[in-house]
């Protein structure tokens, strides 16, 4: 069995989900932004949503956080549809979205 490091340096990865066809993995990774609204949390960094192509391990950000927004995965709906949550701390909203993966 081979293993592969999923992150470079010190980074937290969470909400990790494999697509049903095992072609992709979607996950949240801490961003560089600190959220004032999360000051009382253990970690005040917001989270970006990432996609990894498992055939070549290329990663890309598919939803970029800012200083008041978090993104986290929920589940794969099909081989190319992923459901995720957006939390906006300023607007005090949480909303689920679905996106198509090419």
Foldseek 3Di string as FASTA:
>chain_A
DDDDDLDPDDKDKDQWAAAPVRQKIKIKIFDPAFAPLCPVPPGRTAIFIKMAGVVVRDMDTPGDDHRFKHKGWDYAPHNFKTKIWIAGRVVRDIDIDIDGHD
